[in-house]
Amino acid sequence: MILLFLLPFYDRGPERRPERRPIAMFTLVFVFFAMAYLTYLGTSAGSPEVQTIKPPAAVVASGKGVLAEFYAGRNAVAQSGCEACHTIGDDGNPGPGPNLTHIGSRIPLLGIERTLVNPTAPMPSFKNLPPQQFTAIAEFLSDLK
């Protein structure tokens, strides 16, 4: 970046005024605004290891035990890196995986478990996770209705 700003001092051509170099000036301005925009997106994206989706009303009505399992699953999903490819609520990335915000209404618990063990590429398999963490992720996803 510094070299881009110092480039006019290295070039010893006869014409160095900025208004006589429209392509170079356009490139400089474009790179500057692109870097500023990407920096803004990076600072406003939030932590990739935090999941902020609120529990559905059915989970809250089920009691403290189910609510505790929901939060344990939410933390396990955030720590497993699922949001690198999936969107859950307002968190995560829009692809290449599908949005998982309401996955529990489309796929039953056994289907979610089967997908976690034997997924389609490029999703990694979660069959080597500790059983408690695997169950927490599967139940969390099935609660998202």
N, C-alpha and C. Protein backbone atom coordinates (compact mmCIF):
# COMPACT_ATOMS: atom_id res chain seq x y z
N MET A 1 0.82 -1.18 0.00
CA MET A 1 0.00 0.00 0.00
C MET A 1 0.88 1.26 0.00
N ILE A 2 1.91 1.22 0.80
CA ILE A 2 2.80 2.38 0.87
C ILE A 2 3.49 2.59 -0.47
N LEU A 3 3.84 1.48 -1.14
CA LEU A 3 4.48 1.61 -2.45
C LEU A 3 3.55 2.24 -3.47
N LEU A 4 2.24 2.00 -3.36
CA LEU A 4 1.31 2.65 -4.28
C LEU A 4 1.33 4.16 -4.10
N PHE A 5 1.43 4.61 -2.87
CA PHE A 5 1.48 6.05 -2.62
C PHE A 5 2.81 6.66 -3.06
N LEU A 6 3.87 5.89 -2.96
CA LEU A 6 5.20 6.39 -3.32
C LEU A 6 5.52 6.21 -4.81
N LEU A 7 4.67 5.51 -5.55
CA LEU A 7 4.93 5.24 -6.96
C LEU A 7 5.20 6.50 -7.79
N PRO A 8 4.47 7.59 -7.61
CA PRO A 8 4.78 8.79 -8.41
C PRO A 8 6.20 9.33 -8.20
N PHE A 9 6.77 9.06 -7.05
CA PHE A 9 8.14 9.55 -6.79
C PHE A 9 9.19 8.66 -7.44
N TYR A 10 8.84 7.40 -7.68
CA TYR A 10 9.77 6.49 -8.35
C TYR A 10 9.76 6.67 -9.86
N ASP A 11 8.62 7.01 -10.39
CA ASP A 11 8.49 7.18 -11.84
C ASP A 11 9.09 8.54 -12.23
N ARG A 12 10.08 8.51 -13.08
CA ARG A 12 10.74 9.74 -13.49
C ARG A 12 10.35 10.15 -14.90
N GLY A 13 9.16 9.74 -15.33
CA GLY A 13 8.68 10.13 -16.66
C GLY A 13 8.43 11.63 -16.69
N PRO A 14 8.33 12.23 -17.89
CA PRO A 14 8.17 13.68 -18.01
C PRO A 14 6.81 14.17 -17.50
N GLU A 15 5.79 13.32 -17.50
CA GLU A 15 4.46 13.76 -17.10
C GLU A 15 4.04 13.03 -15.84
N ARG A 16 4.06 13.75 -14.69
CA ARG A 16 3.75 13.11 -13.43
C ARG A 16 2.56 13.74 -12.73
N ARG A 17 1.90 14.68 -13.34
CA ARG A 17 0.76 15.30 -12.68
C ARG A 17 -0.40 14.31 -12.60
N PRO A 18 -1.13 14.27 -11.48
CA PRO A 18 -2.22 13.30 -11.30
C PRO A 18 -3.34 13.44 -12.35
N GLU A 19 -3.66 14.66 -12.75
CA GLU A 19 -4.76 14.81 -13.72
C GLU A 19 -4.39 14.30 -15.11
N ARG A 20 -3.11 14.09 -15.37
CA ARG A 20 -2.66 13.57 -16.66
C ARG A 20 -2.51 12.05 -16.64
N ARG A 21 -2.82 11.43 -15.50
CA ARG A 21 -2.72 9.97 -15.33
C ARG A 21 -4.06 9.44 -14.82
N PRO A 22 -5.09 9.43 -15.62
CA PRO A 22 -6.43 9.06 -15.12
C PRO A 22 -6.53 7.60 -14.68
N ILE A 23 -5.86 6.70 -15.36
CA ILE A 23 -5.95 5.28 -15.00
C ILE A 23 -5.27 5.04 -13.66
N ALA A 24 -4.11 5.61 -13.48
CA ALA A 24 -3.39 5.43 -12.22
C ALA A 24 -4.17 6.06 -11.06
N MET A 25 -4.75 7.23 -11.28
CA MET A 25 -5.51 7.89 -10.21
C MET A 25 -6.79 7.11 -9.89
N PHE A 26 -7.47 6.62 -10.94
CA PHE A 26 -8.67 5.83 -10.70
C PHE A 26 -8.32 4.58 -9.90
N THR A 27 -7.24 3.92 -10.25
CA THR A 27 -6.82 2.72 -9.53
C THR A 27 -6.50 3.04 -8.08
N LEU A 28 -5.81 4.12 -7.84
CA LEU A 28 -5.47 4.53 -6.48
C LEU A 28 -6.73 4.80 -5.65
N VAL A 29 -7.66 5.55 -6.21
CA VAL A 29 -8.89 5.87 -5.48
C VAL A 29 -9.72 4.60 -5.26
N PHE A 30 -9.82 3.74 -6.27
CA PHE A 30 -10.58 2.51 -6.13
C PHE A 30 -10.00 1.61 -5.04
N VAL A 31 -8.69 1.43 -5.04
CA VAL A 31 -8.05 0.59 -4.02
C VAL A 31 -8.27 1.18 -2.64
N PHE A 32 -8.16 2.47 -2.51
CA PHE A 32 -8.37 3.12 -1.21
C PHE A 32 -9.79 2.87 -0.69
N PHE A 33 -10.80 3.11 -1.54
CA PHE A 33 -12.18 2.91 -1.10
C PHE A 33 -12.51 1.43 -0.88
N ALA A 34 -11.94 0.56 -1.69
CA ALA A 34 -12.17 -0.87 -1.49
C ALA A 34 -11.59 -1.33 -0.16
N MET A 35 -10.41 -0.87 0.18
CA MET A 35 -9.81 -1.23 1.46
C MET A 35 -10.62 -0.67 2.62
N ALA A 36 -11.11 0.56 2.49
CA ALA A 36 -11.92 1.15 3.56
C ALA A 36 -13.22 0.38 3.73
N TYR A 37 -13.87 0.01 2.62
CA TYR A 37 -15.14 -0.73 2.69
C TYR A 37 -14.93 -2.12 3.29
N LEU A 38 -13.90 -2.83 2.88
CA LEU A 38 -13.64 -4.16 3.42
C LEU A 38 -13.24 -4.10 4.89
N THR A 39 -12.54 -3.05 5.28
CA THR A 39 -12.21 -2.88 6.69
C THR A 39 -13.47 -2.67 7.50
N TYR A 40 -14.39 -1.85 6.98
CA TYR A 40 -15.66 -1.64 7.66
C TYR A 40 -16.44 -2.95 7.80
N LEU A 41 -16.51 -3.74 6.73
CA LEU A 41 -17.22 -5.02 6.81
C LEU A 41 -16.59 -5.95 7.82
N GLY A 42 -15.28 -5.97 7.88
CA GLY A 42 -14.58 -6.82 8.84
C GLY A 42 -14.82 -6.42 10.28
N THR A 43 -14.89 -5.13 10.55
CA THR A 43 -15.10 -4.69 11.93
C THR A 43 -16.54 -4.83 12.36
N SER A 44 -17.48 -4.83 11.42
CA SER A 44 -18.88 -4.94 11.80
C SER A 44 -19.40 -6.37 11.73
N ALA A 45 -18.57 -7.34 11.35
CA ALA A 45 -19.03 -8.72 11.16
C ALA A 45 -19.26 -9.44 12.48
N GLY A 46 -18.58 -9.08 13.52
CA GLY A 46 -18.74 -9.78 14.80
C GLY A 46 -17.82 -10.99 14.88
N SER A 47 -17.82 -11.61 16.02
CA SER A 47 -16.95 -12.76 16.27
C SER A 47 -17.51 -14.01 15.60
N PRO A 48 -16.66 -14.81 14.95
CA PRO A 48 -17.16 -16.03 14.32
C PRO A 48 -17.46 -17.14 15.32
N GLU A 49 -17.10 -16.96 16.56
CA GLU A 49 -17.33 -17.99 17.57
C GLU A 49 -18.45 -17.63 18.52
N VAL A 50 -19.32 -16.74 18.12
CA VAL A 50 -20.44 -16.33 18.96
C VAL A 50 -21.73 -16.52 18.18
N GLN A 51 -22.70 -17.16 18.78
CA GLN A 51 -24.01 -17.37 18.18
C GLN A 51 -25.02 -16.62 19.02
N THR A 52 -25.83 -15.78 18.41
CA THR A 52 -26.73 -14.92 19.17
C THR A 52 -28.20 -15.20 18.93
N ILE A 53 -28.54 -16.29 18.24
CA ILE A 53 -29.95 -16.56 17.97
C ILE A 53 -30.68 -16.85 19.28
N LYS A 54 -31.86 -16.30 19.39
CA LYS A 54 -32.66 -16.48 20.60
C LYS A 54 -33.42 -17.80 20.51
N PRO A 55 -33.68 -18.44 21.64
CA PRO A 55 -34.41 -19.71 21.61
C PRO A 55 -35.85 -19.51 21.16
N PRO A 56 -36.37 -20.45 20.36
CA PRO A 56 -37.76 -20.37 19.96
C PRO A 56 -38.70 -20.46 21.16
N ALA A 57 -39.93 -20.00 20.98
CA ALA A 57 -40.90 -19.99 22.08
C ALA A 57 -41.17 -21.40 22.61
N ALA A 58 -41.18 -22.39 21.74
CA ALA A 58 -41.42 -23.77 22.19
C ALA A 58 -40.32 -24.26 23.11
N VAL A 59 -39.10 -23.85 22.86
CA VAL A 59 -37.97 -24.26 23.72
C VAL A 59 -38.08 -23.56 25.07
N VAL A 60 -38.41 -22.29 25.06
CA VAL A 60 -38.55 -21.54 26.32
C VAL A 60 -39.69 -22.13 27.15
N ALA A 61 -40.78 -22.52 26.51
CA ALA A 61 -41.93 -23.07 27.22
C ALA A 61 -41.66 -24.47 27.76
N SER A 62 -40.67 -25.17 27.21
CA SER A 62 -40.37 -26.54 27.64
C SER A 62 -39.68 -26.61 28.99
N GLY A 63 -39.09 -25.55 29.43
CA GLY A 63 -38.46 -25.55 30.75
C GLY A 63 -36.98 -25.29 30.71
N LYS A 64 -36.40 -25.26 31.92
CA LYS A 64 -34.98 -24.90 32.05
C LYS A 64 -34.05 -25.95 31.48
N GLY A 65 -34.40 -27.22 31.59
CA GLY A 65 -33.53 -28.28 31.07
C GLY A 65 -33.37 -28.20 29.57
N VAL A 66 -34.47 -28.04 28.86
CA VAL A 66 -34.42 -27.94 27.40
C VAL A 66 -33.74 -26.65 26.99
N LEU A 67 -33.97 -25.60 27.73
CA LEU A 67 -33.33 -24.31 27.44
C LEU A 67 -31.82 -24.40 27.62
N ALA A 68 -31.37 -25.11 28.67
CA ALA A 68 -29.94 -25.29 28.90
C ALA A 68 -29.32 -26.10 27.76
N GLU A 69 -30.04 -27.13 27.28
CA GLU A 69 -29.54 -27.91 26.14
C GLU A 69 -29.46 -27.06 24.88
N PHE A 70 -30.44 -26.17 24.70
CA PHE A 70 -30.42 -25.27 23.55
C PHE A 70 -29.17 -24.40 23.58
N TYR A 71 -28.87 -23.81 24.73
CA TYR A 71 -27.69 -22.94 24.83
C TYR A 71 -26.40 -23.73 24.67
N ALA A 72 -26.36 -24.97 25.18
CA ALA A 72 -25.16 -25.81 25.00
C ALA A 72 -24.96 -26.12 23.52
N GLY A 73 -26.04 -26.43 22.82
CA GLY A 73 -25.94 -26.69 21.39
C GLY A 73 -25.56 -25.45 20.60
N ARG A 74 -26.08 -24.30 21.02
CA ARG A 74 -25.74 -23.04 20.35
C ARG A 74 -24.25 -22.76 20.48
N ASN A 75 -23.70 -23.00 21.66
CA ASN A 75 -22.25 -22.79 21.86
C ASN A 75 -21.44 -23.80 21.06
N ALA A 76 -21.91 -25.04 20.99
CA ALA A 76 -21.18 -26.07 20.24
C ALA A 76 -21.17 -25.74 18.75
N VAL A 77 -22.28 -25.25 18.23
CA VAL A 77 -22.34 -24.87 16.81
C VAL A 77 -21.37 -23.71 16.54
N ALA A 78 -21.35 -22.74 17.43
CA ALA A 78 -20.46 -21.59 17.24
C ALA A 78 -18.99 -22.01 17.28
N GLN A 79 -18.66 -22.95 18.16
CA GLN A 79 -17.27 -23.37 18.30
C GLN A 79 -16.83 -24.36 17.23
N SER A 80 -17.79 -25.00 16.56
CA SER A 80 -17.46 -26.00 15.54
C SER A 80 -17.18 -25.38 14.18
N GLY A 81 -17.44 -24.10 14.03
CA GLY A 81 -17.14 -23.42 12.77
C GLY A 81 -18.24 -23.55 11.73
N CYS A 82 -19.45 -23.89 12.15
CA CYS A 82 -20.55 -24.04 11.20
C CYS A 82 -20.88 -22.72 10.49
N GLU A 83 -20.66 -21.62 11.18
CA GLU A 83 -21.02 -20.32 10.63
C GLU A 83 -20.05 -19.85 9.55
N ALA A 84 -19.00 -20.61 9.30
CA ALA A 84 -18.11 -20.25 8.19
C ALA A 84 -18.82 -20.45 6.85
N CYS A 85 -19.78 -21.38 6.82
CA CYS A 85 -20.48 -21.70 5.58
C CYS A 85 -22.00 -21.55 5.67
N HIS A 86 -22.53 -21.43 6.87
CA HIS A 86 -23.99 -21.37 7.06
C HIS A 86 -24.38 -20.10 7.79
N THR A 87 -25.61 -19.66 7.53
CA THR A 87 -26.20 -18.56 8.27
C THR A 87 -27.19 -19.14 9.28
N ILE A 88 -27.08 -18.69 10.51
CA ILE A 88 -28.02 -19.08 11.56
C ILE A 88 -28.48 -17.78 12.21
N GLY A 89 -29.72 -17.41 11.98
CA GLY A 89 -30.22 -16.13 12.48
C GLY A 89 -29.51 -15.00 11.76
N ASP A 90 -28.92 -14.10 12.54
CA ASP A 90 -28.19 -12.97 11.96
C ASP A 90 -26.69 -13.23 11.85
N ASP A 91 -26.25 -14.41 12.28
CA ASP A 91 -24.83 -14.71 12.32
C ASP A 91 -24.44 -15.67 11.20
N GLY A 92 -23.18 -15.63 10.83
CA GLY A 92 -22.65 -16.56 9.84
C GLY A 92 -22.53 -15.96 8.46
N ASN A 93 -22.16 -16.83 7.53
CA ASN A 93 -21.94 -16.43 6.14
C ASN A 93 -23.02 -17.02 5.24
N PRO A 94 -23.34 -16.35 4.15
CA PRO A 94 -24.44 -16.80 3.30
C PRO A 94 -24.12 -17.98 2.38
N GLY A 95 -23.00 -18.58 2.50
CA GLY A 95 -22.72 -19.72 1.62
C GLY A 95 -21.36 -20.29 1.85
N PRO A 96 -21.07 -21.40 1.31
CA PRO A 96 -21.78 -22.18 0.31
C PRO A 96 -22.91 -23.05 0.87
N GLY A 97 -23.01 -23.18 2.18
CA GLY A 97 -24.07 -24.00 2.76
C GLY A 97 -25.37 -23.25 2.87
N PRO A 98 -26.48 -23.99 3.07
CA PRO A 98 -27.79 -23.34 3.16
C PRO A 98 -27.99 -22.62 4.49
N ASN A 99 -29.01 -21.78 4.53
CA ASN A 99 -29.40 -21.08 5.75
C ASN A 99 -30.00 -22.10 6.71
N LEU A 100 -29.53 -22.12 7.95
CA LEU A 100 -30.00 -23.10 8.93
C LEU A 100 -30.95 -22.50 9.97
N THR A 101 -31.43 -21.30 9.74
CA THR A 101 -32.26 -20.62 10.73
C THR A 101 -33.52 -21.42 11.07
N HIS A 102 -34.14 -22.07 10.09
CA HIS A 102 -35.37 -22.84 10.32
C HIS A 102 -35.21 -24.29 9.86
N ILE A 103 -34.02 -24.85 10.02
CA ILE A 103 -33.73 -26.20 9.53
C ILE A 103 -34.56 -27.26 10.25
N GLY A 104 -34.90 -27.04 11.51
CA GLY A 104 -35.67 -28.03 12.27
C GLY A 104 -37.07 -28.22 11.75
N SER A 105 -37.61 -27.25 11.04
CA SER A 105 -38.96 -27.40 10.47
C SER A 105 -38.93 -28.15 9.14
N ARG A 106 -37.76 -28.30 8.54
CA ARG A 106 -37.64 -28.99 7.25
C ARG A 106 -37.09 -30.40 7.38
N ILE A 107 -36.19 -30.61 8.34
CA ILE A 107 -35.51 -31.91 8.48
C ILE A 107 -35.67 -32.39 9.92
N PRO A 108 -36.06 -33.66 10.14
CA PRO A 108 -36.18 -34.17 11.50
C PRO A 108 -34.80 -34.41 12.13
N LEU A 109 -34.80 -34.68 13.43
CA LEU A 109 -33.55 -34.86 14.18
C LEU A 109 -32.68 -35.96 13.57
N LEU A 110 -33.27 -37.10 13.20
CA LEU A 110 -32.47 -38.19 12.62
C LEU A 110 -31.85 -37.79 11.28
N GLY A 111 -32.57 -37.00 10.50
CA GLY A 111 -32.01 -36.51 9.24
C GLY A 111 -30.84 -35.57 9.46
N ILE A 112 -30.96 -34.72 10.48
CA ILE A 112 -29.86 -33.81 10.80
C ILE A 112 -28.64 -34.59 11.26
N GLU A 113 -28.85 -35.60 12.12
CA GLU A 113 -27.74 -36.43 12.58
C GLU A 113 -27.08 -37.17 11.41
N ARG A 114 -27.90 -37.69 10.50
CA ARG A 114 -27.37 -38.41 9.35
C ARG A 114 -26.54 -37.47 8.46
N THR A 115 -27.02 -36.23 8.31
CA THR A 115 -26.29 -35.25 7.51
C THR A 115 -24.97 -34.86 8.17
N LEU A 116 -24.96 -34.76 9.49
CA LEU A 116 -23.72 -34.41 10.20
C LEU A 116 -22.67 -35.52 10.09
N VAL A 117 -23.13 -36.78 10.03
CA VAL A 117 -22.20 -37.90 9.93
C VAL A 117 -21.74 -38.11 8.50
N ASN A 118 -22.66 -38.00 7.54
CA ASN A 118 -22.34 -38.27 6.14
C ASN A 118 -22.81 -37.11 5.26
N PRO A 119 -22.11 -35.98 5.32
CA PRO A 119 -22.56 -34.79 4.57
C PRO A 119 -22.12 -34.84 3.11
N THR A 120 -22.69 -33.93 2.34
CA THR A 120 -22.22 -33.76 0.96
C THR A 120 -21.07 -32.75 0.97
N ALA A 121 -20.19 -32.88 0.00
CA ALA A 121 -19.03 -31.99 -0.08
C ALA A 121 -19.50 -30.56 -0.32
N PRO A 122 -18.86 -29.58 0.20
CA PRO A 122 -17.59 -29.50 0.91
C PRO A 122 -17.72 -29.54 2.42
N MET A 123 -18.90 -29.87 2.94
CA MET A 123 -19.10 -29.90 4.40
C MET A 123 -18.31 -31.05 5.02
N PRO A 124 -17.59 -30.79 6.12
CA PRO A 124 -16.84 -31.87 6.77
C PRO A 124 -17.79 -32.75 7.60
N SER A 125 -17.34 -33.95 7.87
CA SER A 125 -18.11 -34.87 8.71
C SER A 125 -17.85 -34.54 10.18
N PHE A 126 -18.89 -34.67 10.99
CA PHE A 126 -18.78 -34.42 12.42
C PHE A 126 -18.89 -35.71 13.22
N LYS A 127 -18.62 -36.85 12.58
CA LYS A 127 -18.75 -38.14 13.27
C LYS A 127 -17.68 -38.34 14.34
N ASN A 128 -16.58 -37.61 14.29
CA ASN A 128 -15.52 -37.78 15.27
C ASN A 128 -15.65 -36.82 16.46
N LEU A 129 -16.72 -36.05 16.51
CA LEU A 129 -16.94 -35.18 17.67
C LEU A 129 -17.28 -36.03 18.89
N PRO A 130 -17.00 -35.53 20.08
CA PRO A 130 -17.46 -36.24 21.27
C PRO A 130 -18.98 -36.39 21.23
N PRO A 131 -19.50 -37.52 21.68
CA PRO A 131 -20.95 -37.77 21.58
C PRO A 131 -21.81 -36.67 22.20
N GLN A 132 -21.38 -36.10 23.30
CA GLN A 132 -22.16 -35.06 23.97
C GLN A 132 -22.26 -33.81 23.08
N GLN A 133 -21.15 -33.44 22.47
CA GLN A 133 -21.14 -32.27 21.60
C GLN A 133 -21.93 -32.53 20.31
N PHE A 134 -21.80 -33.73 19.75
CA PHE A 134 -22.55 -34.09 18.55
C PHE A 134 -24.05 -34.02 18.82
N THR A 135 -24.49 -34.59 19.93
CA THR A 135 -25.91 -34.57 20.30
C THR A 135 -26.39 -33.15 20.52
N ALA A 136 -25.57 -32.33 21.16
CA ALA A 136 -25.95 -30.94 21.42
C ALA A 136 -26.15 -30.18 20.11
N ILE A 137 -25.28 -30.38 19.13
CA ILE A 137 -25.41 -29.70 17.84
C ILE A 137 -26.67 -30.18 17.12
N ALA A 138 -26.89 -31.48 17.07
CA ALA A 138 -28.05 -32.03 16.37
C ALA A 138 -29.35 -31.55 17.01
N GLU A 139 -29.43 -31.55 18.33
CA GLU A 139 -30.66 -31.12 19.01
C GLU A 139 -30.87 -29.62 18.86
N PHE A 140 -29.79 -28.84 18.88
CA PHE A 140 -29.92 -27.40 18.67
C PHE A 140 -30.50 -27.12 17.29
N LEU A 141 -29.96 -27.79 16.27
CA LEU A 141 -30.44 -27.56 14.91
C LEU A 141 -31.89 -28.03 14.74
N SER A 142 -32.25 -29.11 15.41
CA SER A 142 -33.64 -29.57 15.30
C SER A 142 -34.61 -28.67 16.04
N ASP A 143 -34.12 -27.90 17.01
CA ASP A 143 -34.97 -26.95 17.74
C ASP A 143 -35.25 -25.68 16.94
N LEU A 144 -34.47 -25.43 15.89
CA LEU A 144 -34.62 -24.22 15.08
C LEU A 144 -35.80 -24.39 14.13
N LYS A 145 -36.96 -23.96 14.58
CA LYS A 145 -38.17 -24.10 13.76
C LYS A 145 -38.81 -22.78 13.49
